[in-house]
Amino acid sequence: MEPRTPPATIMTIPLPRWRVRGAENLDLYMTDQANEIDPARGHVRTAREELLVFLVIVALIWPVAAVGVVGGYGFAIWMYQVVAGPPGPPKR
């Protein structure tokens, strides 16, 4: 008897369902229409949602980005001074 080869299987990974209005209508697999532009899917953003997004950006994202930029700049100066020495005239 010849050994049987197992049938080829296609492994699919279930995609998470994000908690977004209209997520139940999203396609889970690539189709030939996947590159077509359909951004809204029938959802109109309300003024309340836009205000919430604005407040999240203003209250959370920008302060974290500002601290990161200033801290990174200070760290870069500190590392430069570790290598090149403190600022000022050279010692005699």
N, C-alpha and C. Protein backbone atom coordinates (compact mmCIF):
# COMPACT_ATOMS: atom_id res chain seq x y z
N MET A 1 0.82 -1.19 0.00
CA MET A 1 0.00 0.00 0.00
C MET A 1 0.86 1.25 0.00
N GLU A 2 0.45 2.25 -0.78
CA GLU A 2 1.17 3.51 -0.82
C GLU A 2 0.73 4.39 0.35
N PRO A 3 1.69 5.13 0.92
CA PRO A 3 1.29 6.03 2.01
C PRO A 3 0.46 7.18 1.45
N ARG A 4 -0.57 7.50 2.17
CA ARG A 4 -1.45 8.60 1.75
C ARG A 4 -0.88 9.93 2.24
N THR A 5 -0.96 10.92 1.39
CA THR A 5 -0.53 12.26 1.81
C THR A 5 -1.74 12.99 2.37
N PRO A 6 -1.52 13.74 3.42
CA PRO A 6 -2.66 14.47 3.99
C PRO A 6 -3.16 15.52 3.02
N PRO A 7 -4.45 15.81 3.04
CA PRO A 7 -4.97 16.84 2.15
C PRO A 7 -4.42 18.21 2.52
N ALA A 8 -4.24 19.03 1.51
CA ALA A 8 -3.75 20.39 1.75
C ALA A 8 -4.83 21.17 2.49
N THR A 9 -4.41 21.86 3.53
CA THR A 9 -5.36 22.66 4.30
C THR A 9 -4.96 24.13 4.19
N ILE A 10 -5.93 24.95 4.23
CA ILE A 10 -5.70 26.39 4.24
C ILE A 10 -5.94 26.87 5.65
N MET A 11 -4.90 27.45 6.22
CA MET A 11 -5.02 27.91 7.60
C MET A 11 -5.57 29.33 7.59
N THR A 12 -6.66 29.53 8.26
CA THR A 12 -7.23 30.87 8.37
C THR A 12 -7.16 31.30 9.81
N ILE A 13 -6.81 32.54 10.00
CA ILE A 13 -6.72 33.11 11.33
C ILE A 13 -7.92 34.03 11.51
N PRO A 14 -8.72 33.79 12.53
CA PRO A 14 -9.88 34.68 12.72
C PRO A 14 -9.41 36.08 13.10
N LEU A 15 -9.99 37.05 12.44
CA LEU A 15 -9.66 38.43 12.73
C LEU A 15 -10.54 38.95 13.86
N PRO A 16 -9.98 39.83 14.71
CA PRO A 16 -10.80 40.35 15.80
C PRO A 16 -11.89 41.27 15.27
N ARG A 17 -13.02 41.24 15.91
CA ARG A 17 -14.11 42.16 15.57
C ARG A 17 -13.97 43.38 16.47
N TRP A 18 -13.50 44.47 15.89
CA TRP A 18 -13.35 45.68 16.66
C TRP A 18 -14.72 46.25 16.97
N ARG A 19 -14.80 46.95 18.04
CA ARG A 19 -16.09 47.51 18.46
C ARG A 19 -16.34 48.82 17.72
N VAL A 20 -16.69 48.68 16.48
CA VAL A 20 -16.95 49.82 15.62
C VAL A 20 -18.32 49.61 15.01
N ARG A 21 -19.07 50.68 14.90
CA ARG A 21 -20.36 50.54 14.23
C ARG A 21 -20.16 50.08 12.81
N GLY A 22 -20.88 49.07 12.40
CA GLY A 22 -20.77 48.56 11.05
C GLY A 22 -19.70 47.51 10.89
N ALA A 23 -19.03 47.09 12.00
CA ALA A 23 -17.96 46.10 11.89
C ALA A 23 -18.48 44.74 11.45
N GLU A 24 -19.74 44.48 11.70
CA GLU A 24 -20.29 43.18 11.29
C GLU A 24 -20.41 43.07 9.78
N ASN A 25 -20.32 44.19 9.06
CA ASN A 25 -20.44 44.16 7.62
C ASN A 25 -19.08 44.15 6.91
N LEU A 26 -17.99 44.17 7.67
CA LEU A 26 -16.67 44.21 7.05
C LEU A 26 -16.31 42.86 6.48
N ASP A 27 -15.63 42.87 5.34
CA ASP A 27 -15.14 41.63 4.75
C ASP A 27 -13.93 41.15 5.54
N LEU A 28 -13.87 39.83 5.80
CA LEU A 28 -12.76 39.29 6.55
C LEU A 28 -11.65 38.76 5.66
N TYR A 29 -11.93 38.52 4.40
CA TYR A 29 -10.94 37.93 3.51
C TYR A 29 -10.74 38.83 2.29
N MET A 30 -9.56 38.74 1.71
CA MET A 30 -9.22 39.55 0.54
C MET A 30 -10.06 39.13 -0.65
N THR A 31 -10.60 40.10 -1.34
CA THR A 31 -11.38 39.83 -2.53
C THR A 31 -10.82 40.67 -3.66
N ASP A 32 -11.35 40.49 -4.87
CA ASP A 32 -10.87 41.29 -5.98
C ASP A 32 -11.34 42.73 -5.87
N GLN A 33 -12.30 43.03 -5.01
CA GLN A 33 -12.75 44.40 -4.79
C GLN A 33 -12.07 45.03 -3.58
N ALA A 34 -11.02 44.41 -3.04
CA ALA A 34 -10.40 44.88 -1.80
C ALA A 34 -9.74 46.24 -1.96
N ASN A 35 -9.33 46.61 -3.16
CA ASN A 35 -8.64 47.88 -3.36
C ASN A 35 -9.57 49.03 -3.68
N GLU A 36 -10.85 48.77 -3.75
CA GLU A 36 -11.78 49.85 -4.02
C GLU A 36 -11.96 50.71 -2.77
N ILE A 37 -12.17 51.99 -2.97
CA ILE A 37 -12.30 52.91 -1.86
C ILE A 37 -13.76 52.93 -1.40
N ASP A 38 -13.95 52.61 -0.13
CA ASP A 38 -15.28 52.65 0.48
C ASP A 38 -15.10 53.04 1.94
N PRO A 39 -14.68 54.32 2.21
CA PRO A 39 -14.28 54.66 3.57
C PRO A 39 -15.41 54.77 4.58
N ALA A 40 -16.55 55.24 4.19
CA ALA A 40 -17.58 55.55 5.17
C ALA A 40 -18.41 54.35 5.57
N ARG A 41 -18.71 53.48 4.64
CA ARG A 41 -19.58 52.33 4.89
C ARG A 41 -20.91 52.77 5.51
N GLY A 42 -21.40 53.93 5.10
CA GLY A 42 -22.71 54.38 5.56
C GLY A 42 -22.71 55.04 6.92
N HIS A 43 -21.55 55.25 7.54
CA HIS A 43 -21.50 55.85 8.87
C HIS A 43 -21.15 57.33 8.75
N VAL A 44 -21.96 58.17 9.34
CA VAL A 44 -21.70 59.60 9.36
C VAL A 44 -21.22 59.96 10.75
N ARG A 45 -20.08 60.63 10.81
CA ARG A 45 -19.51 61.00 12.10
C ARG A 45 -20.27 62.18 12.68
N THR A 46 -20.58 62.10 13.95
CA THR A 46 -21.33 63.17 14.60
C THR A 46 -20.37 64.18 15.21
N ALA A 47 -20.91 65.33 15.57
CA ALA A 47 -20.09 66.37 16.19
C ALA A 47 -19.56 65.89 17.54
N ARG A 48 -20.34 65.08 18.25
CA ARG A 48 -19.89 64.57 19.54
C ARG A 48 -18.69 63.64 19.39
N GLU A 49 -18.72 62.78 18.37
CA GLU A 49 -17.58 61.88 18.13
C GLU A 49 -16.33 62.67 17.76
N GLU A 50 -16.49 63.69 16.92
CA GLU A 50 -15.34 64.49 16.54
C GLU A 50 -14.78 65.26 17.73
N LEU A 51 -15.65 65.76 18.61
CA LEU A 51 -15.19 66.44 19.82
C LEU A 51 -14.43 65.48 20.72
N LEU A 52 -14.91 64.26 20.85
CA LEU A 52 -14.23 63.26 21.66
C LEU A 52 -12.84 62.94 21.10
N VAL A 53 -12.74 62.79 19.80
CA VAL A 53 -11.43 62.53 19.17
C VAL A 53 -10.50 63.72 19.39
N PHE A 54 -11.02 64.93 19.24
CA PHE A 54 -10.21 66.13 19.46
C PHE A 54 -9.70 66.19 20.89
N LEU A 55 -10.56 65.91 21.86
CA LEU A 55 -10.15 65.96 23.26
C LEU A 55 -9.11 64.89 23.59
N VAL A 56 -9.23 63.72 23.01
CA VAL A 56 -8.24 62.67 23.23
C VAL A 56 -6.88 63.11 22.67
N ILE A 57 -6.90 63.70 21.49
CA ILE A 57 -5.64 64.17 20.90
C ILE A 57 -5.03 65.27 21.76
N VAL A 58 -5.85 66.24 22.18
CA VAL A 58 -5.35 67.38 22.95
C VAL A 58 -4.91 66.97 24.35
N ALA A 59 -5.67 66.12 25.03
CA ALA A 59 -5.40 65.80 26.43
C ALA A 59 -4.42 64.64 26.61
N LEU A 60 -4.29 63.75 25.63
CA LEU A 60 -3.43 62.59 25.82
C LEU A 60 -2.25 62.54 24.87
N ILE A 61 -2.51 62.65 23.59
CA ILE A 61 -1.45 62.40 22.61
C ILE A 61 -0.43 63.53 22.56
N TRP A 62 -0.89 64.80 22.48
CA TRP A 62 0.05 65.89 22.39
C TRP A 62 0.92 66.05 23.63
N PRO A 63 0.41 65.93 24.85
CA PRO A 63 1.31 66.02 26.01
C PRO A 63 2.36 64.90 26.04
N VAL A 64 1.96 63.70 25.69
CA VAL A 64 2.93 62.59 25.66
C VAL A 64 3.99 62.85 24.60
N ALA A 65 3.58 63.33 23.43
CA ALA A 65 4.53 63.62 22.36
C ALA A 65 5.48 64.76 22.77
N ALA A 66 4.95 65.78 23.43
CA ALA A 66 5.79 66.91 23.86
C ALA A 66 6.83 66.47 24.88
N VAL A 67 6.42 65.69 25.86
CA VAL A 67 7.36 65.19 26.87
C VAL A 67 8.41 64.30 26.20
N GLY A 68 8.00 63.49 25.25
CA GLY A 68 8.95 62.62 24.56
C GLY A 68 9.97 63.40 23.75
N VAL A 69 9.53 64.45 23.05
CA VAL A 69 10.46 65.25 22.24
C VAL A 69 11.43 66.01 23.14
N VAL A 70 10.93 66.67 24.17
CA VAL A 70 11.81 67.43 25.06
C VAL A 70 12.74 66.50 25.82
N GLY A 71 12.23 65.38 26.29
CA GLY A 71 13.08 64.42 26.98
C GLY A 71 14.14 63.82 26.07
N GLY A 72 13.76 63.52 24.83
CA GLY A 72 14.74 62.99 23.88
C GLY A 72 15.83 63.99 23.56
N TYR A 73 15.46 65.26 23.42
CA TYR A 73 16.45 66.30 23.16
C TYR A 73 17.40 66.45 24.35
N GLY A 74 16.85 66.46 25.55
CA GLY A 74 17.70 66.55 26.75
C GLY A 74 18.62 65.35 26.89
N PHE A 75 18.11 64.15 26.56
CA PHE A 75 18.95 62.95 26.62
C PHE A 75 20.08 63.03 25.60
N ALA A 76 19.78 63.55 24.40
CA ALA A 76 20.81 63.67 23.37
C ALA A 76 21.91 64.65 23.81
N ILE A 77 21.53 65.76 24.41
CA ILE A 77 22.52 66.72 24.91
C ILE A 77 23.34 66.09 26.03
N TRP A 78 22.69 65.39 26.92
CA TRP A 78 23.39 64.74 28.03
C TRP A 78 24.42 63.73 27.51
N MET A 79 24.04 62.91 26.54
CA MET A 79 24.96 61.92 25.98
C MET A 79 26.11 62.61 25.24
N TYR A 80 25.82 63.71 24.55
CA TYR A 80 26.89 64.47 23.89
C TYR A 80 27.89 64.98 24.91
N GLN A 81 27.40 65.51 26.03
CA GLN A 81 28.29 66.04 27.05
C GLN A 81 29.06 64.94 27.76
N VAL A 82 28.51 63.73 27.83
CA VAL A 82 29.26 62.61 28.41
C VAL A 82 30.48 62.31 27.53
N VAL A 83 30.31 62.39 26.21
CA VAL A 83 31.39 62.08 25.28
C VAL A 83 32.33 63.27 25.11
N ALA A 84 31.80 64.48 24.90
CA ALA A 84 32.61 65.63 24.55
C ALA A 84 33.00 66.47 25.75
N GLY A 85 32.44 66.25 26.89
CA GLY A 85 32.76 67.05 28.07
C GLY A 85 31.77 68.20 28.25
N PRO A 86 31.79 68.82 29.42
CA PRO A 86 30.82 69.89 29.68
C PRO A 86 31.14 71.12 28.83
N PRO A 87 30.14 71.98 28.62
CA PRO A 87 30.39 73.19 27.83
C PRO A 87 31.24 74.19 28.61
N GLY A 88 31.88 75.07 27.87
CA GLY A 88 32.72 76.11 28.49
C GLY A 88 34.09 76.13 27.86
N PRO A 89 34.89 77.07 28.32
CA PRO A 89 36.25 77.15 27.74
C PRO A 89 37.09 75.95 28.17
N PRO A 90 38.04 75.55 27.34
CA PRO A 90 38.88 74.39 27.71
C PRO A 90 39.73 74.70 28.93
N LYS A 91 40.05 73.69 29.70
CA LYS A 91 40.90 73.86 30.89
C LYS A 91 42.35 74.06 30.45
N ARG A 92 43.09 74.88 31.22
CA ARG A 92 44.49 75.15 30.88
C ARG A 92 45.41 74.14 31.48
